[in-house]
N, C-alpha and C. Protein backbone atom coordinates (compact mmCIF):
# COMPACT_ATOMS: atom_id res chain seq x y z
N MET A 1 0.66 -1.17 -0.03
CA MET A 1 0.08 -0.11 -0.10
C MET A 1 0.87 1.21 0.00
N ASP A 2 0.60 2.08 -0.96
CA ASP A 2 1.36 3.56 -1.10
C ASP A 2 0.63 4.28 0.03
N PHE A 3 1.29 5.36 0.56
CA PHE A 3 0.87 6.45 1.54
C PHE A 3 1.76 7.54 1.14
N GLY A 4 0.99 8.66 1.59
CA GLY A 4 1.87 9.97 1.51
C GLY A 4 1.22 11.03 0.69
N ILE A 5 2.09 12.06 0.72
CA ILE A 5 1.55 13.19 -0.01
C ILE A 5 2.51 13.57 -1.11
N ARG A 6 2.07 14.46 -2.06
CA ARG A 6 2.99 14.85 -3.11
C ARG A 6 2.70 16.56 -3.04
N ASN A 7 3.76 17.09 -3.07
CA ASN A 7 3.67 18.56 -3.22
C ASN A 7 4.01 19.11 -4.54
N ASN A 8 3.44 20.29 -5.11
CA ASN A 8 3.82 20.93 -6.29
C ASN A 8 3.48 22.40 -5.98
N GLU A 9 3.53 23.17 -7.00
CA GLU A 9 3.34 24.60 -6.97
C GLU A 9 1.96 24.95 -6.64
N ASN A 10 0.93 23.97 -6.95
CA ASN A 10 -0.45 24.05 -6.77
C ASN A 10 -0.87 23.72 -5.37
N GLY A 11 -0.08 23.01 -4.49
CA GLY A 11 -0.33 22.50 -3.26
C GLY A 11 0.10 21.24 -2.93
N THR A 12 -0.66 20.61 -1.89
CA THR A 12 -0.35 19.34 -1.35
C THR A 12 -1.53 18.25 -1.82
N PHE A 13 -1.12 17.20 -2.30
CA PHE A 13 -2.01 16.07 -2.95
C PHE A 13 -1.78 14.77 -2.39
N CYS A 14 -2.92 13.98 -2.28
CA CYS A 14 -2.81 12.69 -1.86
C CYS A 14 -2.24 11.91 -2.94
N ILE A 15 -1.11 10.94 -2.79
CA ILE A 15 -0.60 10.22 -3.92
C ILE A 15 -1.40 9.22 -4.39
N LYS A 16 -2.50 8.80 -3.89
CA LYS A 16 -3.43 7.82 -4.29
C LYS A 16 -4.56 8.42 -5.12
N CYS A 17 -5.24 9.46 -4.85
CA CYS A 17 -6.42 9.82 -5.67
C CYS A 17 -6.21 11.36 -6.01
N ASN A 18 -5.15 11.94 -5.84
CA ASN A 18 -4.77 13.21 -6.27
C ASN A 18 -5.62 14.37 -5.65
N CYS A 19 -6.38 14.09 -4.57
CA CYS A 19 -7.25 14.98 -3.98
C CYS A 19 -6.22 16.13 -3.20
N LYS A 20 -6.66 17.23 -3.20
CA LYS A 20 -5.91 18.35 -2.47
C LYS A 20 -6.16 18.06 -1.12
N VAL A 21 -5.00 18.03 -0.28
CA VAL A 21 -5.04 17.75 1.21
C VAL A 21 -4.32 19.00 2.04
N GLU A 22 -4.60 19.05 3.27
CA GLU A 22 -3.71 19.98 3.93
C GLU A 22 -2.56 19.12 4.51
N VAL A 23 -1.23 19.70 4.80
CA VAL A 23 -0.19 18.96 5.26
C VAL A 23 -0.45 18.47 6.56
N THR A 24 -1.35 19.00 7.42
CA THR A 24 -1.65 18.46 8.88
C THR A 24 -2.64 17.45 8.87
N MET A 25 -3.13 16.95 7.65
CA MET A 25 -4.02 15.85 7.73
C MET A 25 -3.36 14.54 7.90
N ASN A 26 -4.02 13.62 8.54
CA ASN A 26 -3.53 12.24 8.64
C ASN A 26 -4.04 11.36 7.51
N PHE A 27 -5.37 11.42 7.08
CA PHE A 27 -5.88 10.63 6.08
C PHE A 27 -6.51 11.58 5.10
N CYS A 28 -6.48 11.02 3.80
CA CYS A 28 -7.19 11.84 2.64
C CYS A 28 -8.57 11.72 3.10
N PRO A 29 -9.36 12.90 2.93
CA PRO A 29 -10.73 12.97 3.05
C PRO A 29 -11.56 12.44 1.94
N ASN A 30 -10.84 12.21 0.84
CA ASN A 30 -11.54 11.70 -0.25
C ASN A 30 -11.39 10.09 -0.37
N CYS A 31 -10.40 9.49 -0.11
CA CYS A 31 -10.06 8.01 -0.45
C CYS A 31 -9.65 7.29 1.00
N ALA A 32 -9.42 8.03 2.12
CA ALA A 32 -9.04 7.55 3.23
C ALA A 32 -7.52 6.94 3.35
N ASN A 33 -6.83 7.33 2.40
CA ASN A 33 -5.52 6.69 2.28
C ASN A 33 -4.51 7.54 3.37
N PRO A 34 -3.80 6.76 4.20
CA PRO A 34 -2.93 7.30 5.21
C PRO A 34 -2.02 8.42 4.32
N LEU A 35 -1.68 9.58 5.09
CA LEU A 35 -0.96 10.54 4.45
C LEU A 35 0.58 10.90 5.11
N ASN A 36 0.81 9.81 6.07
CA ASN A 36 1.95 10.03 6.81
C ASN A 36 2.17 8.76 7.49
N ILE A 37 3.27 8.59 7.93
CA ILE A 37 3.80 7.33 8.65
C ILE A 37 3.03 6.91 9.86
N ASP A 38 2.67 7.97 10.65
CA ASP A 38 1.82 7.55 11.80
C ASP A 38 0.44 7.00 11.57
N ALA A 39 0.01 7.67 10.54
CA ALA A 39 -1.42 7.36 10.04
C ALA A 39 -1.33 5.81 9.32
N PHE A 40 -0.26 5.58 8.67
CA PHE A 40 -0.05 4.35 7.98
C PHE A 40 0.13 3.17 9.14
N LYS A 41 0.87 3.42 10.07
CA LYS A 41 0.99 2.59 11.21
C LYS A 41 -0.46 2.30 11.87
N LEU A 42 -1.19 3.38 12.07
CA LEU A 42 -2.60 3.21 12.69
C LEU A 42 -3.36 2.30 11.79
N PHE A 43 -3.47 2.64 10.32
CA PHE A 43 -4.15 1.81 9.41
C PHE A 43 -3.76 0.35 9.43
N GLN A 44 -2.54 0.06 9.53
CA GLN A 44 -2.05 -1.31 9.75
C GLN A 44 -2.57 -2.19 10.96
N GLU A 45 -2.53 -1.30 12.06
CA GLU A 45 -3.01 -1.97 13.26
C GLU A 45 -4.41 -2.17 13.22
N LYS A 46 -5.19 -1.27 12.68
CA LYS A 46 -6.76 -1.33 12.62
C LYS A 46 -6.93 -2.55 11.70
N LEU A 47 -6.21 -2.68 10.52
CA LEU A 47 -6.45 -3.76 9.60
C LEU A 47 -6.16 -5.18 10.36
N LYS A 48 -5.15 -5.18 11.24
CA LYS A 48 -4.71 -6.43 11.99
C LYS A 48 -5.95 -6.86 12.87
N LEU A 49 -6.30 -5.78 13.50
CA LEU A 49 -7.40 -6.20 14.45
C LEU A 49 -8.64 -6.56 13.94
N ASN A 50 -8.98 -6.01 12.70
CA ASN A 50 -10.15 -6.39 11.94
C ASN A 50 -9.94 -7.87 11.32
N ASN A 51 -8.82 -8.11 10.92
CA ASN A 51 -8.37 -9.42 10.57
C ASN A 51 -8.70 -10.61 11.72
N PHE A 52 -8.16 -10.21 12.99
CA PHE A 52 -8.42 -11.11 13.93
C PHE A 52 -9.84 -11.23 14.33
N LYS A 53 -10.54 -10.19 14.21
CA LYS A 53 -12.09 -10.23 14.54
C LYS A 53 -12.81 -11.16 13.57
N LEU A 54 -12.31 -11.07 12.45
CA LEU A 54 -12.90 -11.85 11.11
C LEU A 54 -12.65 -13.36 11.55
N LEU A 55 -11.31 -13.71 11.88
CA LEU A 55 -10.96 -15.09 12.32
C LEU A 55 -11.76 -15.62 13.55
N LYS A 56 -11.83 -14.76 14.37
CA LYS A 56 -12.56 -15.17 15.75
C LYS A 56 -13.85 -15.62 15.32
N TYR A 57 -14.62 -14.73 14.43
CA TYR A 57 -15.88 -14.98 13.97
C TYR A 57 -16.13 -16.39 13.26
N ILE A 58 -15.05 -16.40 12.37
CA ILE A 58 -15.00 -17.78 11.42
C ILE A 58 -14.82 -18.98 12.48
N ALA A 59 -13.95 -18.90 13.26
CA ALA A 59 -13.62 -19.95 14.35
C ALA A 59 -14.72 -20.10 15.30
N GLU A 60 -15.62 -19.35 15.49
CA GLU A 60 -16.88 -19.49 16.49
C GLU A 60 -18.00 -20.10 15.54
N ASN A 61 -17.93 -19.92 14.12
CA ASN A 61 -19.01 -20.45 13.42
C ASN A 61 -18.66 -21.60 12.57
N THR A 62 -17.48 -22.21 12.57
CA THR A 62 -17.45 -23.28 11.73
C THR A 62 -17.20 -24.55 12.54
N LYS A 63 -17.43 -25.55 11.93
CA LYS A 63 -17.27 -27.01 12.59
C LYS A 63 -16.11 -27.77 11.85
N ASP A 64 -15.53 -27.13 10.89
CA ASP A 64 -14.57 -27.74 10.07
C ASP A 64 -13.25 -27.82 10.85
N GLU A 65 -12.76 -28.88 11.09
CA GLU A 65 -11.56 -29.01 11.90
C GLU A 65 -10.31 -28.44 11.09
N LYS A 66 -10.10 -28.64 9.84
CA LYS A 66 -9.24 -28.29 9.16
C LYS A 66 -9.01 -26.57 9.09
N THR A 67 -10.29 -26.05 9.00
CA THR A 67 -10.34 -24.73 9.24
C THR A 67 -9.98 -24.07 10.55
N LEU A 68 -10.50 -24.69 11.45
CA LEU A 68 -10.15 -24.30 12.96
C LEU A 68 -8.59 -24.40 13.23
N LYS A 69 -7.98 -25.51 12.66
CA LYS A 69 -6.40 -25.77 12.94
C LYS A 69 -5.83 -24.50 12.15
N LEU A 70 -6.14 -24.29 10.89
CA LEU A 70 -5.52 -23.16 10.16
C LEU A 70 -5.63 -21.82 10.95
N ILE A 71 -6.81 -21.50 11.34
CA ILE A 71 -6.98 -20.20 12.09
C ILE A 71 -6.20 -20.13 13.47
N GLN A 72 -5.99 -21.32 14.15
CA GLN A 72 -5.09 -21.45 15.37
C GLN A 72 -3.61 -21.11 15.01
N LYS A 73 -3.29 -21.71 13.86
CA LYS A 73 -1.87 -21.47 13.29
C LYS A 73 -1.65 -20.04 12.95
N LEU A 74 -2.60 -19.50 12.27
CA LEU A 74 -2.42 -18.02 11.97
C LEU A 74 -2.34 -17.05 13.09
N THR A 75 -3.36 -17.39 14.02
CA THR A 75 -3.40 -16.48 15.16
C THR A 75 -2.27 -16.50 16.24
N LYS A 76 -1.67 -17.73 16.39
CA LYS A 76 -0.36 -18.05 17.02
C LYS A 76 0.76 -17.39 16.34
N LYS A 77 0.85 -17.34 15.11
CA LYS A 77 2.06 -16.72 14.34
C LYS A 77 2.00 -15.28 14.48
N ASN A 78 0.93 -14.60 14.54
CA ASN A 78 0.69 -13.08 14.41
C ASN A 78 0.64 -12.40 15.81
N ILE A 79 0.65 -13.27 16.88
CA ILE A 79 0.39 -12.71 18.23
C ILE A 79 1.86 -12.24 18.75
């Protein structure tokens, strides 16, 4: 995932969607792309949390042993 801003004589722009942004913004108001490293790290943490929530939901709602073992392996690896 690319993140960041691009500056030129016309101002500051999101590198993903080319929307004009303020330098002080963390996320693009048009596409929600992270505009700086802190916002990118926050985005990654939120994505990781959402992935764990999804895995938890699947684990609670499946009876397939192979799927459950795969989920256990994935969660142990990423904790």
